[in-house]
Amino acid sequence: MIAPPEITDRVKKVHDFLTVGAAAPLMEAAVTGLKFGDAYYRELQAHYTHMKELFTNGLKEIGLQFTKPQGAYYVLADISEFGYESDLVFCEDLARKVGVGAVPGSSFFKEPENRYIRFHFAKQDATLKAALERLAEMKTKMKS
């Protein structure tokens, strides 16, 4: 940052508080979370694994290429085959033509990248199944 010293001094203090010290309510929440038993976390893992497998198995059946999620509840799908130059335009068309929302993958890359879109799969089974039914029509509805 380039600014006068009286501003940089204040910015340094704010930066320090935001990056070094966690907010008190977050620390209290973490302590509460640490008291949950192992069974809670096993059940949580099983639940998220189920959602991931339901959605990614559906993407496989559709024939959409994607990266296997390794810890988050998002999946990056490769849209190269559709011929779009812009992942943003693809996402807009996907919402309009297919009825499924996604986030342009370029939002998550430093380098210019437009081959990916990101889906969120931490949803109810019925929602994921409905999305997959709609996504099954992508190959006919989404050619640029």
C-alpha atoms as a PDB file:
ATOM      1  CA  MET A   1       0.000   0.000   0.000  1.00  0.00           C
ATOM      2  CA  ILE A   2       1.192   3.488  -0.774  1.00  0.00           C
ATOM      3  CA  ALA A   3      -0.201   6.159   1.544  1.00  0.00           C
ATOM      4  CA  PRO A   4       0.878   8.887   3.980  1.00  0.00           C
ATOM      5  CA  PRO A   5       2.446   7.613   7.228  1.00  0.00           C
ATOM      6  CA  GLU A   6      -0.583   8.525   9.377  1.00  0.00           C
ATOM      7  CA  ILE A   7      -2.743   6.286   7.211  1.00  0.00           C
ATOM      8  CA  THR A   8      -0.257   3.411   6.906  1.00  0.00           C
ATOM      9  CA  ASP A   9       0.174   3.304  10.679  1.00  0.00           C
ATOM     10  CA  ARG A  10      -3.574   2.794  11.118  1.00  0.00           C
ATOM     11  CA  VAL A  11      -3.755   0.277   8.297  1.00  0.00           C
ATOM     12  CA  LYS A  12      -0.946  -1.737   9.924  1.00  0.00           C
ATOM     13  CA  LYS A  13      -2.939  -1.897  13.172  1.00  0.00           C
ATOM     14  CA  VAL A  14      -6.110  -3.027  11.389  1.00  0.00           C
ATOM     15  CA  HIS A  15      -4.123  -5.567   9.364  1.00  0.00           C
ATOM     16  CA  ASP A  16      -2.559  -6.932  12.531  1.00  0.00           C
ATOM     17  CA  PHE A  17      -5.925  -7.352  14.255  1.00  0.00           C
ATOM     18  CA  LEU A  18      -7.490  -8.995  11.203  1.00  0.00           C
ATOM     19  CA  THR A  19      -4.675 -11.444  10.486  1.00  0.00           C
ATOM     20  CA  VAL A  20      -3.126 -12.282  13.858  1.00  0.00           C
ATOM     21  CA  GLY A  21      -5.962 -12.382  16.351  1.00  0.00           C
ATOM     22  CA  ALA A  22      -9.148 -14.371  15.878  1.00  0.00           C
ATOM     23  CA  ALA A  23     -12.383 -12.718  16.945  1.00  0.00           C
ATOM     24  CA  ALA A  24     -13.584 -13.760  20.407  1.00  0.00           C
ATOM     25  CA  PRO A  25     -16.867 -15.307  19.150  1.00  0.00           C
ATOM     26  CA  LEU A  26     -14.899 -17.470  16.700  1.00  0.00           C
ATOM     27  CA  MET A  27     -12.622 -18.683  19.493  1.00  0.00           C
ATOM     28  CA  GLU A  28     -15.666 -19.579  21.625  1.00  0.00           C
ATOM     29  CA  ALA A  29     -17.212 -21.448  18.694  1.00  0.00           C
ATOM     30  CA  ALA A  30     -13.963 -23.371  18.151  1.00  0.00           C
ATOM     31  CA  VAL A  31     -13.888 -24.437  21.800  1.00  0.00           C
ATOM     32  CA  THR A  32     -17.474 -25.661  21.506  1.00  0.00           C
ATOM     33  CA  GLY A  33     -16.574 -27.585  18.350  1.00  0.00           C
ATOM     34  CA  LEU A  34     -13.615 -29.214  20.053  1.00  0.00           C
ATOM     35  CA  LYS A  35     -15.975 -30.641  22.680  1.00  0.00           C
ATOM     36  CA  PHE A  36     -18.052 -32.556  20.108  1.00  0.00           C
ATOM     37  CA  GLY A  37     -17.338 -36.253  20.162  1.00  0.00           C
ATOM     38  CA  ASP A  38     -15.690 -38.237  17.376  1.00  0.00           C
ATOM     39  CA  ALA A  39     -19.070 -39.661  16.355  1.00  0.00           C
ATOM     40  CA  TYR A  40     -20.274 -36.193  15.373  1.00  0.00           C
ATOM     41  CA  TYR A  41     -17.337 -35.690  13.016  1.00  0.00           C
ATOM     42  CA  ARG A  42     -17.642 -39.205  11.548  1.00  0.00           C
ATOM     43  CA  GLU A  43     -21.316 -38.541  10.820  1.00  0.00           C
ATOM     44  CA  LEU A  44     -20.484 -35.149   9.309  1.00  0.00           C
ATOM     45  CA  GLN A  45     -17.817 -36.721   7.098  1.00  0.00           C
ATOM     46  CA  ALA A  46     -20.205 -39.456   5.966  1.00  0.00           C
ATOM     47  CA  HIS A  47     -22.871 -36.868   5.132  1.00  0.00           C
ATOM     48  CA  TYR A  48     -20.526 -34.739   3.003  1.00  0.00           C
ATOM     49  CA  THR A  49     -19.035 -37.838   1.365  1.00  0.00           C
ATOM     50  CA  HIS A  50     -22.540 -38.945   0.397  1.00  0.00           C
ATOM     51  CA  MET A  51     -23.327 -35.562  -1.205  1.00  0.00           C
ATOM     52  CA  LYS A  52     -19.999 -35.548  -3.039  1.00  0.00           C
ATOM     53  CA  GLU A  53     -20.466 -39.060  -4.390  1.00  0.00           C
ATOM     54  CA  LEU A  54     -24.079 -38.477  -5.409  1.00  0.00           C
ATOM     55  CA  PHE A  55     -23.116 -35.357  -7.382  1.00  0.00           C
ATOM     56  CA  THR A  56     -19.824 -36.529  -8.880  1.00  0.00           C
ATOM     57  CA  ASN A  57     -21.304 -39.904  -9.892  1.00  0.00           C
ATOM     58  CA  GLY A  58     -24.051 -37.972 -11.645  1.00  0.00           C
ATOM     59  CA  LEU A  59     -21.493 -35.807 -13.441  1.00  0.00           C
ATOM     60  CA  LYS A  60     -19.691 -39.000 -14.554  1.00  0.00           C
ATOM     61  CA  GLU A  61     -22.933 -40.420 -15.943  1.00  0.00           C
ATOM     62  CA  ILE A  62     -23.518 -37.197 -17.867  1.00  0.00           C
ATOM     63  CA  GLY A  63     -19.965 -37.412 -19.231  1.00  0.00           C
ATOM     64  CA  LEU A  64     -18.787 -34.096 -17.844  1.00  0.00           C
ATOM     65  CA  GLN A  65     -15.079 -33.923 -16.999  1.00  0.00           C
ATOM     66  CA  PHE A  66     -14.281 -32.610 -13.503  1.00  0.00           C
ATOM     67  CA  THR A  67     -11.618 -32.538 -10.839  1.00  0.00           C
ATOM     68  CA  LYS A  68     -12.276 -34.833  -7.905  1.00  0.00           C
ATOM     69  CA  PRO A  69     -12.935 -32.759  -4.758  1.00  0.00           C
ATOM     70  CA  GLN A  70     -10.351 -33.447  -2.065  1.00  0.00           C
ATOM     71  CA  GLY A  71     -11.763 -31.616   0.917  1.00  0.00           C
ATOM     72  CA  ALA A  72     -14.234 -28.912  -0.030  1.00  0.00           C
ATOM     73  CA  TYR A  73     -17.874 -29.090  -1.064  1.00  0.00           C
ATOM     74  CA  TYR A  74     -17.183 -27.723  -4.518  1.00  0.00           C
ATOM     75  CA  VAL A  75     -16.279 -29.387  -7.790  1.00  0.00           C
ATOM     76  CA  LEU A  76     -14.587 -27.793 -10.796  1.00  0.00           C
ATOM     77  CA  ALA A  77     -16.038 -29.000 -14.091  1.00  0.00           C
ATOM     78  CA  ASP A  78     -14.176 -28.637 -17.387  1.00  0.00           C
ATOM     79  CA  ILE A  79     -16.333 -26.876 -19.997  1.00  0.00           C
ATOM     80  CA  SER A  80     -13.766 -26.904 -22.835  1.00  0.00           C
ATOM     81  CA  GLU A  81     -15.926 -29.168 -24.989  1.00  0.00           C
ATOM     82  CA  PHE A  82     -18.679 -26.552 -25.204  1.00  0.00           C
ATOM     83  CA  GLY A  83     -16.575 -24.045 -27.152  1.00  0.00           C
ATOM     84  CA  TYR A  84     -17.134 -21.005 -24.959  1.00  0.00           C
ATOM     85  CA  GLU A  85     -14.333 -18.449 -24.706  1.00  0.00           C
ATOM     86  CA  SER A  86     -15.746 -17.045 -21.472  1.00  0.00           C
ATOM     87  CA  ASP A  87     -16.634 -19.095 -18.409  1.00  0.00           C
ATOM     88  CA  LEU A  88     -18.753 -16.158 -17.217  1.00  0.00           C
ATOM     89  CA  VAL A  89     -20.885 -16.243 -20.372  1.00  0.00           C
ATOM     90  CA  PHE A  90     -21.118 -20.026 -20.020  1.00  0.00           C
ATOM     91  CA  CYS A  91     -22.414 -19.687 -16.438  1.00  0.00           C
ATOM     92  CA  GLU A  92     -24.969 -17.096 -17.525  1.00  0.00           C
ATOM     93  CA  ASP A  93     -26.145 -19.373 -20.355  1.00  0.00           C
ATOM     94  CA  LEU A  94     -26.174 -22.385 -18.021  1.00  0.00           C
ATOM     95  CA  ALA A  95     -28.521 -20.589 -15.648  1.00  0.00           C
ATOM     96  CA  ARG A  96     -30.750 -19.330 -18.450  1.00  0.00           C
ATOM     97  CA  LYS A  97     -30.808 -22.408 -20.731  1.00  0.00           C
ATOM     98  CA  VAL A  98     -30.438 -25.277 -18.255  1.00  0.00           C
ATOM     99  CA  GLY A  99     -31.599 -23.794 -14.950  1.00  0.00           C
ATOM    100  CA  VAL A 100     -28.501 -24.581 -12.901  1.00  0.00           C
ATOM    101  CA  GLY A 101     -26.208 -22.031 -11.261  1.00  0.00           C
ATOM    102  CA  ALA A 102     -22.422 -22.244 -11.271  1.00  0.00           C
ATOM    103  CA  VAL A 103     -19.537 -19.884 -10.563  1.00  0.00           C
ATOM    104  CA  PRO A 104     -16.967 -19.054 -13.251  1.00  0.00           C
ATOM    105  CA  GLY A 105     -13.751 -20.887 -12.443  1.00  0.00           C
ATOM    106  CA  SER A 106     -11.711 -17.858 -13.509  1.00  0.00           C
ATOM    107  CA  SER A 107     -12.705 -16.310 -10.166  1.00  0.00           C
ATOM    108  CA  PHE A 108     -10.300 -18.726  -8.471  1.00  0.00           C
ATOM    109  CA  PHE A 109      -7.212 -18.500 -10.695  1.00  0.00           C
ATOM    110  CA  LYS A 110      -4.456 -15.918 -10.800  1.00  0.00           C
ATOM    111  CA  GLU A 111      -3.628 -16.730 -14.412  1.00  0.00           C
ATOM    112  CA  PRO A 112      -6.183 -16.303 -17.211  1.00  0.00           C
ATOM    113  CA  GLU A 113      -8.288 -19.470 -17.144  1.00  0.00           C
ATOM    114  CA  ASN A 114     -11.741 -19.983 -18.656  1.00  0.00           C
ATOM    115  CA  ARG A 115     -12.083 -23.783 -18.899  1.00  0.00           C
ATOM    116  CA  TYR A 116     -13.736 -24.416 -15.556  1.00  0.00           C
ATOM    117  CA  ILE A 117     -16.928 -23.712 -13.674  1.00  0.00           C
ATOM    118  CA  ARG A 118     -17.511 -24.462 -10.016  1.00  0.00           C
ATOM    119  CA  PHE A 119     -20.525 -26.292  -8.635  1.00  0.00           C
ATOM    120  CA  HIS A 120     -21.461 -26.400  -4.943  1.00  0.00           C
ATOM    121  CA  PHE A 121     -22.744 -29.800  -3.821  1.00  0.00           C
ATOM    122  CA  ALA A 122     -23.552 -29.290  -0.123  1.00  0.00           C
ATOM    123  CA  LYS A 123     -27.256 -29.554  -0.866  1.00  0.00           C
ATOM    124  CA  GLN A 124     -30.177 -31.867  -0.148  1.00  0.00           C
ATOM    125  CA  ASP A 125     -30.354 -35.035  -2.242  1.00  0.00           C
ATOM    126  CA  ALA A 126     -33.501 -33.828  -4.021  1.00  0.00           C
ATOM    127  CA  THR A 127     -31.768 -30.596  -5.044  1.00  0.00           C
ATOM    128  CA  LEU A 128     -28.689 -32.437  -6.323  1.00  0.00           C
ATOM    129  CA  LYS A 129     -30.815 -34.932  -8.261  1.00  0.00           C
ATOM    130  CA  ALA A 130     -32.863 -32.127  -9.835  1.00  0.00           C
ATOM    131  CA  ALA A 131     -29.656 -30.297 -10.813  1.00  0.00           C
ATOM    132  CA  LEU A 132     -28.221 -33.464 -12.343  1.00  0.00           C
ATOM    133  CA  GLU A 133     -31.414 -34.047 -14.331  1.00  0.00           C
ATOM    134  CA  ARG A 134     -31.096 -30.542 -15.757  1.00  0.00           C
ATOM    135  CA  LEU A 135     -27.356 -30.877 -16.342  1.00  0.00           C
ATOM    136  CA  ALA A 136     -28.008 -34.032 -18.378  1.00  0.00           C
ATOM    137  CA  GLU A 137     -29.384 -31.662 -21.037  1.00  0.00           C
ATOM    138  CA  MET A 138     -26.220 -29.520 -21.116  1.00  0.00           C
ATOM    139  CA  LYS A 139     -24.671 -31.147 -24.146  1.00  0.00           C
ATOM    140  CA  THR A 140     -27.642 -30.269 -26.336  1.00  0.00           C
ATOM    141  CA  LYS A 141     -28.458 -26.869 -24.850  1.00  0.00           C
ATOM    142  CA  MET A 142     -25.006 -25.398 -24.244  1.00  0.00           C
ATOM    143  CA  LYS A 143     -23.072 -25.409 -27.524  1.00  0.00           C
ATOM    144  CA  SER A 144     -21.793 -21.871 -28.177  1.00  0.00           C
END
